[in-house]
Amino acid sequence: MSILDSSPKTEELTFGQKAVGLRFNPSGSDEVGQIKQTFADAIDKLNDLRKSTKSPMAHVLSEHAILQAIDAQMWAVKALTWQD
């Protein structure tokens, strides 16, 4: 296992877990893992909506929300690991 893959590959990741890179946590920080999982859960719910909706607008909005959640997750991890 390398530093780029700090979790064992024993189970299949959800769409949200893949989107946030849940297994990428070189510091091994519990806080980073928790925040990533929180965003992954939200992304999974939005992905379910995106796949099930019959509304074109809801589809577009859920896709946009997924992308924004991925972005927000990255900034949250940066904030958690920031060192002056």
PDB file of N, CA and C in Angstrom:
ATOM      1  N   MET A   1       0.854  -1.183   0.000  1.00  0.00           N
ATOM      2  CA  MET A   1       0.000   0.000   0.000  1.00  0.00           C
ATOM      3  C   MET A   1       0.896   1.241   0.000  1.00  0.00           C
ATOM      4  N   SER A   2       0.641   2.181  -0.897  1.00  0.00           N
ATOM      5  CA  SER A   2       1.451   3.392  -0.986  1.00  0.00           C
ATOM      6  C   SER A   2       0.821   4.528  -0.197  1.00  0.00           C
ATOM      7  N   ILE A   3       1.558   5.618  -0.081  1.00  0.00           N
ATOM      8  CA  ILE A   3       1.049   6.799   0.635  1.00  0.00           C
ATOM      9  C   ILE A   3      -0.179   7.374  -0.066  1.00  0.00           C
ATOM     10  N   LEU A   4      -0.306   7.122  -1.369  1.00  0.00           N
ATOM     11  CA  LEU A   4      -1.450   7.641  -2.112  1.00  0.00           C
ATOM     12  C   LEU A   4      -2.709   6.816  -1.886  1.00  0.00           C
ATOM     13  N   ASP A   5      -2.572   5.695  -1.227  1.00  0.00           N
ATOM     14  CA  ASP A   5      -3.714   4.819  -0.990  1.00  0.00           C
ATOM     15  C   ASP A   5      -3.638   4.323   0.438  1.00  0.00           C
ATOM     16  N   SER A   6      -4.157   5.134   1.362  1.00  0.00           N
ATOM     17  CA  SER A   6      -3.982   4.842   2.782  1.00  0.00           C
ATOM     18  C   SER A   6      -5.071   3.957   3.370  1.00  0.00           C
ATOM     19  N   SER A   7      -6.017   3.485   2.567  1.00  0.00           N
ATOM     20  CA  SER A   7      -7.064   2.598   3.048  1.00  0.00           C
ATOM     21  C   SER A   7      -7.031   1.296   2.261  1.00  0.00           C
ATOM     22  N   PRO A   8      -7.348   0.199   2.893  1.00  0.00           N
ATOM     23  CA  PRO A   8      -7.365  -1.068   2.157  1.00  0.00           C
ATOM     24  C   PRO A   8      -8.470  -1.081   1.110  1.00  0.00           C
ATOM     25  N   LYS A   9      -8.244  -1.787   0.021  1.00  0.00           N
ATOM     26  CA  LYS A   9      -9.212  -1.861  -1.074  1.00  0.00           C
ATOM     27  C   LYS A   9     -10.090  -3.096  -0.915  1.00  0.00           C
ATOM     28  N   THR A  10     -10.742  -3.225   0.200  1.00  0.00           N
ATOM     29  CA  THR A  10     -11.529  -4.419   0.450  1.00  0.00           C
ATOM     30  C   THR A  10     -12.976  -4.272   0.027  1.00  0.00           C
ATOM     31  N   GLU A  11     -13.485  -3.074  -0.102  1.00  0.00           N
ATOM     32  CA  GLU A  11     -14.884  -2.898  -0.475  1.00  0.00           C
ATOM     33  C   GLU A  11     -15.006  -1.897  -1.607  1.00  0.00           C
ATOM     34  N   GLU A  12     -16.054  -2.066  -2.390  1.00  0.00           N
ATOM     35  CA  GLU A  12     -16.320  -1.153  -3.499  1.00  0.00           C
ATOM     36  C   GLU A  12     -16.777   0.196  -2.952  1.00  0.00           C
ATOM     37  N   LEU A  13     -16.240   1.257  -3.508  1.00  0.00           N
ATOM     38  CA  LEU A  13     -16.619   2.600  -3.084  1.00  0.00           C
ATOM     39  C   LEU A  13     -17.893   3.039  -3.793  1.00  0.00           C
ATOM     40  N   THR A  14     -18.656   3.892  -3.125  1.00  0.00           N
ATOM     41  CA  THR A  14     -19.828   4.494  -3.756  1.00  0.00           C
ATOM     42  C   THR A  14     -19.369   5.578  -4.726  1.00  0.00           C
ATOM     43  N   PHE A  15     -20.293   6.061  -5.531  1.00  0.00           N
ATOM     44  CA  PHE A  15     -19.990   7.156  -6.448  1.00  0.00           C
ATOM     45  C   PHE A  15     -19.429   8.354  -5.677  1.00  0.00           C
ATOM     46  N   GLY A  16     -20.089   8.712  -4.581  1.00  0.00           N
ATOM     47  CA  GLY A  16     -19.652   9.861  -3.792  1.00  0.00           C
ATOM     48  C   GLY A  16     -18.269   9.654  -3.192  1.00  0.00           C
ATOM     49  N   GLN A  17     -17.993   8.462  -2.702  1.00  0.00           N
ATOM     50  CA  GLN A  17     -16.681   8.173  -2.117  1.00  0.00           C
ATOM     51  C   GLN A  17     -15.583   8.267  -3.176  1.00  0.00           C
ATOM     52  N   LYS A  18     -15.893   7.801  -4.378  1.00  0.00           N
ATOM     53  CA  LYS A  18     -14.928   7.936  -5.473  1.00  0.00           C
ATOM     54  C   LYS A  18     -14.732   9.406  -5.829  1.00  0.00           C
ATOM     55  N   ALA A  19     -15.842  10.154  -5.871  1.00  0.00           N
ATOM     56  CA  ALA A  19     -15.782  11.563  -6.275  1.00  0.00           C
ATOM     57  C   ALA A  19     -14.928  12.406  -5.333  1.00  0.00           C
ATOM     58  N   VAL A  20     -14.942  12.082  -4.040  1.00  0.00           N
ATOM     59  CA  VAL A  20     -14.156  12.862  -3.076  1.00  0.00           C
ATOM     60  C   VAL A  20     -12.783  12.255  -2.828  1.00  0.00           C
ATOM     61  N   GLY A  21     -12.502  11.124  -3.437  1.00  0.00           N
ATOM     62  CA  GLY A  21     -11.212  10.484  -3.222  1.00  0.00           C
ATOM     63  C   GLY A  21     -11.053  10.013  -1.782  1.00  0.00           C
ATOM     64  N   LEU A  22     -12.047   9.289  -1.297  1.00  0.00           N
ATOM     65  CA  LEU A  22     -12.065   8.875   0.106  1.00  0.00           C
ATOM     66  C   LEU A  22     -10.795   8.153   0.532  1.00  0.00           C
ATOM     67  N   ARG A  23     -10.220   7.370  -0.347  1.00  0.00           N
ATOM     68  CA  ARG A  23      -9.014   6.604   0.016  1.00  0.00           C
ATOM     69  C   ARG A  23      -7.738   7.444  -0.028  1.00  0.00           C
ATOM     70  N   PHE A  24      -7.834   8.663  -0.545  1.00  0.00           N
ATOM     71  CA  PHE A  24      -6.656   9.530  -0.582  1.00  0.00           C
ATOM     72  C   PHE A  24      -6.645  10.393   0.674  1.00  0.00           C
ATOM     73  N   ASN A  25      -5.828   9.993   1.621  1.00  0.00           N
ATOM     74  CA  ASN A  25      -5.703  10.701   2.892  1.00  0.00           C
ATOM     75  C   ASN A  25      -4.293  10.434   3.425  1.00  0.00           C
ATOM     76  N   PRO A  26      -3.271  11.038   2.766  1.00  0.00           N
ATOM     77  CA  PRO A  26      -1.892  10.753   3.143  1.00  0.00           C
ATOM     78  C   PRO A  26      -1.580  11.021   4.608  1.00  0.00           C
ATOM     79  N   SER A  27      -2.268  11.992   5.212  1.00  0.00           N
ATOM     80  CA  SER A  27      -1.988  12.315   6.613  1.00  0.00           C
ATOM     81  C   SER A  27      -2.613  11.294   7.560  1.00  0.00           C
ATOM     82  N   GLY A  28      -3.576  10.525   7.050  1.00  0.00           N
ATOM     83  CA  GLY A  28      -4.280   9.580   7.909  1.00  0.00           C
ATOM     84  C   GLY A  28      -5.193  10.266   8.916  1.00  0.00           C
ATOM     85  N   SER A  29      -5.529  11.521   8.682  1.00  0.00           N
ATOM     86  CA  SER A  29      -6.339  12.307   9.598  1.00  0.00           C
ATOM     87  C   SER A  29      -7.773  11.789   9.658  1.00  0.00           C
ATOM     88  N   ASP A  30      -8.248  11.530  10.873  1.00  0.00           N
ATOM     89  CA  ASP A  30      -9.644  11.128  11.053  1.00  0.00           C
ATOM     90  C   ASP A  30     -10.587  12.242  10.612  1.00  0.00           C
ATOM     91  N   GLU A  31     -10.219  13.494  10.900  1.00  0.00           N
ATOM     92  CA  GLU A  31     -11.068  14.632  10.502  1.00  0.00           C
ATOM     93  C   GLU A  31     -11.232  14.698   8.988  1.00  0.00           C
ATOM     94  N   VAL A  32     -10.132  14.474   8.272  1.00  0.00           N
ATOM     95  CA  VAL A  32     -10.197  14.492   6.807  1.00  0.00           C
ATOM     96  C   VAL A  32     -11.103  13.365   6.329  1.00  0.00           C
ATOM     97  N   GLY A  33     -10.948  12.183   6.875  1.00  0.00           N
ATOM     98  CA  GLY A  33     -11.800  11.061   6.491  1.00  0.00           C
ATOM     99  C   GLY A  33     -13.263  11.326   6.771  1.00  0.00           C
ATOM    100  N   GLN A  34     -13.542  11.941   7.918  1.00  0.00           N
ATOM    101  CA  GLN A  34     -14.932  12.232   8.281  1.00  0.00           C
ATOM    102  C   GLN A  34     -15.552  13.269   7.365  1.00  0.00           C
ATOM    103  N   ILE A  35     -14.809  14.330   7.052  1.00  0.00           N
ATOM    104  CA  ILE A  35     -15.376  15.377   6.193  1.00  0.00           C
ATOM    105  C   ILE A  35     -15.579  14.845   4.780  1.00  0.00           C
ATOM    106  N   LYS A  36     -14.641  14.030   4.317  1.00  0.00           N
ATOM    107  CA  LYS A  36     -14.806  13.427   2.993  1.00  0.00           C
ATOM    108  C   LYS A  36     -16.037  12.526   2.959  1.00  0.00           C
ATOM    109  N   GLN A  37     -16.245  11.739   4.015  1.00  0.00           N
ATOM    110  CA  GLN A  37     -17.415  10.846   4.046  1.00  0.00           C
ATOM    111  C   GLN A  37     -18.713  11.642   4.108  1.00  0.00           C
ATOM    112  N   THR A  38     -18.705  12.744   4.842  1.00  0.00           N
ATOM    113  CA  THR A  38     -19.899  13.599   4.911  1.00  0.00           C
ATOM    114  C   THR A  38     -20.270  14.121   3.525  1.00  0.00           C
ATOM    115  N   PHE A  39     -19.286  14.617   2.793  1.00  0.00           N
ATOM    116  CA  PHE A  39     -19.550  15.103   1.438  1.00  0.00           C
ATOM    117  C   PHE A  39     -19.919  13.951   0.513  1.00  0.00           C
ATOM    118  N   ALA A  40     -19.283  12.796   0.687  1.00  0.00           N
ATOM    119  CA  ALA A  40     -19.608  11.625  -0.137  1.00  0.00           C
ATOM    120  C   ALA A  40     -21.069  11.225   0.033  1.00  0.00           C
ATOM    121  N   ASP A  41     -21.557  11.263   1.270  1.00  0.00           N
ATOM    122  CA  ASP A  41     -22.960  10.924   1.528  1.00  0.00           C
ATOM    123  C   ASP A  41     -23.903  11.880   0.803  1.00  0.00           C
ATOM    124  N   ALA A  42     -23.588  13.168   0.854  1.00  0.00           N
ATOM    125  CA  ALA A  42     -24.419  14.168   0.164  1.00  0.00           C
ATOM    126  C   ALA A  42     -24.366  13.949  -1.348  1.00  0.00           C
ATOM    127  N   ILE A  43     -23.184  13.679  -1.862  1.00  0.00           N
ATOM    128  CA  ILE A  43     -23.033  13.447  -3.304  1.00  0.00           C
ATOM    129  C   ILE A  43     -23.812  12.211  -3.732  1.00  0.00           C
ATOM    130  N   ASP A  44     -23.783  11.166  -2.917  1.00  0.00           N
ATOM    131  CA  ASP A  44     -24.549   9.958  -3.248  1.00  0.00           C
ATOM    132  C   ASP A  44     -26.041  10.254  -3.324  1.00  0.00           C
ATOM    133  N   LYS A  45     -26.557  11.054  -2.411  1.00  0.00           N
ATOM    134  CA  LYS A  45     -27.981  11.415  -2.453  1.00  0.00           C
ATOM    135  C   LYS A  45     -28.302  12.224  -3.711  1.00  0.00           C
ATOM    136  N   LEU A  46     -27.435  13.161  -4.038  1.00  0.00           N
ATOM    137  CA  LEU A  46     -27.635  13.958  -5.251  1.00  0.00           C
ATOM    138  C   LEU A  46     -27.524  13.097  -6.503  1.00  0.00           C
ATOM    139  N   ASN A  47     -26.627  12.119  -6.479  1.00  0.00           N
ATOM    140  CA  ASN A  47     -26.478  11.213  -7.611  1.00  0.00           C
ATOM    141  C   ASN A  47     -27.736  10.359  -7.791  1.00  0.00           C
ATOM    142  N   ASP A  48     -28.309   9.915  -6.682  1.00  0.00           N
ATOM    143  CA  ASP A  48     -29.563   9.162  -6.758  1.00  0.00           C
ATOM    144  C   ASP A  48     -30.658  10.022  -7.400  1.00  0.00           C
ATOM    145  N   LEU A  49     -30.732  11.282  -6.989  1.00  0.00           N
ATOM    146  CA  LEU A  49     -31.706  12.201  -7.573  1.00  0.00           C
ATOM    147  C   LEU A  49     -31.449  12.384  -9.059  1.00  0.00           C
ATOM    148  N   ARG A  50     -30.199  12.609  -9.401  1.00  0.00           N
ATOM    149  CA  ARG A  50     -29.829  12.834 -10.799  1.00  0.00           C
ATOM    150  C   ARG A  50     -30.245  11.646 -11.667  1.00  0.00           C
ATOM    151  N   LYS A  51     -30.059  10.436 -11.153  1.00  0.00           N
ATOM    152  CA  LYS A  51     -30.389   9.238 -11.922  1.00  0.00           C
ATOM    153  C   LYS A  51     -31.885   8.954 -11.973  1.00  0.00           C
ATOM    154  N   SER A  52     -32.627   9.405 -10.974  1.00  0.00           N
ATOM    155  CA  SER A  52     -34.041   9.032 -10.901  1.00  0.00           C
ATOM    156  C   SER A  52     -35.008  10.105 -11.393  1.00  0.00           C
ATOM    157  N   THR A  53     -34.570  11.340 -11.463  1.00  0.00           N
ATOM    158  CA  THR A  53     -35.497  12.410 -11.819  1.00  0.00           C
ATOM    159  C   THR A  53     -35.909  12.344 -13.285  1.00  0.00           C
ATOM    160  N   LYS A  54     -37.122  12.757 -13.526  1.00  0.00           N
ATOM    161  CA  LYS A  54     -37.603  12.877 -14.900  1.00  0.00           C
ATOM    162  C   LYS A  54     -37.546  14.335 -15.360  1.00  0.00           C
ATOM    163  N   SER A  55     -37.183  15.211 -14.447  1.00  0.00           N
ATOM    164  CA  SER A  55     -37.102  16.632 -14.756  1.00  0.00           C
ATOM    165  C   SER A  55     -35.719  16.981 -15.298  1.00  0.00           C
ATOM    166  N   PRO A  56     -35.651  17.507 -16.512  1.00  0.00           N
ATOM    167  CA  PRO A  56     -34.355  17.911 -17.055  1.00  0.00           C
ATOM    168  C   PRO A  56     -33.659  18.955 -16.176  1.00  0.00           C
ATOM    169  N   MET A  57     -34.438  19.872 -15.618  1.00  0.00           N
ATOM    170  CA  MET A  57     -33.835  20.910 -14.788  1.00  0.00           C
ATOM    171  C   MET A  57     -33.293  20.323 -13.484  1.00  0.00           C
ATOM    172  N   ALA A  58     -34.022  19.422 -12.858  1.00  0.00           N
ATOM    173  CA  ALA A  58     -33.532  18.783 -11.632  1.00  0.00           C
ATOM    174  C   ALA A  58     -32.261  17.993 -11.922  1.00  0.00           C
ATOM    175  N   HIS A  59     -32.189  17.402 -13.096  1.00  0.00           N
ATOM    176  CA  HIS A  59     -30.980  16.675 -13.493  1.00  0.00           C
ATOM    177  C   HIS A  59     -29.784  17.627 -13.570  1.00  0.00           C
ATOM    178  N   VAL A  60     -29.975  18.740 -14.254  1.00  0.00           N
ATOM    179  CA  VAL A  60     -28.905  19.741 -14.380  1.00  0.00           C
ATOM    180  C   VAL A  60     -28.511  20.294 -13.010  1.00  0.00           C
ATOM    181  N   LEU A  61     -29.504  20.612 -12.194  1.00  0.00           N
ATOM    182  CA  LEU A  61     -29.222  21.173 -10.873  1.00  0.00           C
ATOM    183  C   LEU A  61     -28.490  20.176  -9.982  1.00  0.00           C
ATOM    184  N   SER A  62     -28.863  18.917 -10.045  1.00  0.00           N
ATOM    185  CA  SER A  62     -28.175  17.920  -9.223  1.00  0.00           C
ATOM    186  C   SER A  62     -26.745  17.726  -9.701  1.00  0.00           C
ATOM    187  N   GLU A  63     -26.523  17.743 -11.009  1.00  0.00           N
ATOM    188  CA  GLU A  63     -25.148  17.656 -11.525  1.00  0.00           C
ATOM    189  C   GLU A  63     -24.315  18.837 -11.048  1.00  0.00           C
ATOM    190  N   HIS A  64     -24.892  20.016 -11.113  1.00  0.00           N
ATOM    191  CA  HIS A  64     -24.176  21.215 -10.649  1.00  0.00           C
ATOM    192  C   HIS A  64     -23.865  21.104  -9.151  1.00  0.00           C
ATOM    193  N   ALA A  65     -24.830  20.651  -8.379  1.00  0.00           N
ATOM    194  CA  ALA A  65     -24.621  20.496  -6.934  1.00  0.00           C
ATOM    195  C   ALA A  65     -23.526  19.475  -6.636  1.00  0.00           C
ATOM    196  N   ILE A  66     -23.476  18.388  -7.407  1.00  0.00           N
ATOM    197  CA  ILE A  66     -22.429  17.385  -7.230  1.00  0.00           C
ATOM    198  C   ILE A  66     -21.061  18.009  -7.463  1.00  0.00           C
ATOM    199  N   LEU A  67     -20.931  18.742  -8.554  1.00  0.00           N
ATOM    200  CA  LEU A  67     -19.638  19.386  -8.852  1.00  0.00           C
ATOM    201  C   LEU A  67     -19.245  20.390  -7.770  1.00  0.00           C
ATOM    202  N   GLN A  68     -20.207  21.146  -7.289  1.00  0.00           N
ATOM    203  CA  GLN A  68     -19.919  22.115  -6.239  1.00  0.00           C
ATOM    204  C   GLN A  68     -19.551  21.416  -4.928  1.00  0.00           C
ATOM    205  N   ALA A  69     -20.184  20.288  -4.635  1.00  0.00           N
ATOM    206  CA  ALA A  69     -19.856  19.543  -3.417  1.00  0.00           C
ATOM    207  C   ALA A  69     -18.447  18.972  -3.494  1.00  0.00           C
ATOM    208  N   ILE A  70     -18.048  18.494  -4.658  1.00  0.00           N
ATOM    209  CA  ILE A  70     -16.682  18.001  -4.834  1.00  0.00           C
ATOM    210  C   ILE A  70     -15.699  19.138  -4.576  1.00  0.00           C
ATOM    211  N   ASP A  71     -15.990  20.298  -5.145  1.00  0.00           N
ATOM    212  CA  ASP A  71     -15.125  21.469  -4.957  1.00  0.00           C
ATOM    213  C   ASP A  71     -15.078  21.874  -3.483  1.00  0.00           C
ATOM    214  N   ALA A  72     -16.234  21.945  -2.839  1.00  0.00           N
ATOM    215  CA  ALA A  72     -16.290  22.336  -1.424  1.00  0.00           C
ATOM    216  C   ALA A  72     -15.536  21.353  -0.545  1.00  0.00           C
ATOM    217  N   GLN A  73     -15.622  20.075  -0.854  1.00  0.00           N
ATOM    218  CA  GLN A  73     -14.894  19.057  -0.101  1.00  0.00           C
ATOM    219  C   GLN A  73     -13.393  19.305  -0.176  1.00  0.00           C
ATOM    220  N   MET A  74     -12.910  19.641  -1.355  1.00  0.00           N
ATOM    221  CA  MET A  74     -11.469  19.895  -1.500  1.00  0.00           C
ATOM    222  C   MET A  74     -11.036  21.095  -0.653  1.00  0.00           C
ATOM    223  N   TRP A  75     -11.848  22.157  -0.655  1.00  0.00           N
ATOM    224  CA  TRP A  75     -11.521  23.332   0.151  1.00  0.00           C
ATOM    225  C   TRP A  75     -11.613  23.011   1.644  1.00  0.00           C
ATOM    226  N   ALA A  76     -12.565  22.184   2.035  1.00  0.00           N
ATOM    227  CA  ALA A  76     -12.696  21.802   3.441  1.00  0.00           C
ATOM    228  C   ALA A  76     -11.468  21.023   3.896  1.00  0.00           C
ATOM    229  N   VAL A  77     -10.994  20.107   3.071  1.00  0.00           N
ATOM    230  CA  VAL A  77      -9.791  19.345   3.419  1.00  0.00           C
ATOM    231  C   VAL A  77      -8.591  20.288   3.512  1.00  0.00           C
ATOM    232  N   LYS A  78      -8.510  21.207   2.585  1.00  0.00           N
ATOM    233  CA  LYS A  78      -7.409  22.186   2.621  1.00  0.00           C
ATOM    234  C   LYS A  78      -7.445  22.976   3.924  1.00  0.00           C
ATOM    235  N   ALA A  79      -8.636  23.396   4.339  1.00  0.00           N
ATOM    236  CA  ALA A  79      -8.775  24.151   5.592  1.00  0.00           C
ATOM    237  C   ALA A  79      -8.375  23.291   6.791  1.00  0.00           C
ATOM    238  N   LEU A  80      -8.784  22.037   6.786  1.00  0.00           N
ATOM    239  CA  LEU A  80      -8.460  21.141   7.907  1.00  0.00           C
ATOM    240  C   LEU A  80      -6.965  20.852   8.018  1.00  0.00           C
ATOM    241  N   THR A  81      -6.277  20.849   6.893  1.00  0.00           N
ATOM    242  CA  THR A  81      -4.859  20.473   6.899  1.00  0.00           C
ATOM    243  C   THR A  81      -3.927  21.677   6.766  1.00  0.00           C
ATOM    244  N   TRP A  82      -4.483  22.882   6.724  1.00  0.00           N
ATOM    245  CA  TRP A  82      -3.677  24.103   6.556  1.00  0.00           C
ATOM    246  C   TRP A  82      -2.695  24.280   7.709  1.00  0.00           C
ATOM    247  N   GLN A  83      -1.471  24.635   7.343  1.00  0.00           N
ATOM    248  CA  GLN A  83      -0.450  24.950   8.346  1.00  0.00           C
ATOM    249  C   GLN A  83       0.223  26.251   7.966  1.00  0.00           C
ATOM    250  N   ASP A  84       0.263  27.194   8.890  1.00  0.00           N
ATOM    251  CA  ASP A  84       0.943  28.475   8.626  1.00  0.00           C
ATOM    252  C   ASP A  84       2.435  28.322   8.801  1.00  0.00           C
TER     253      ASP A  84
END
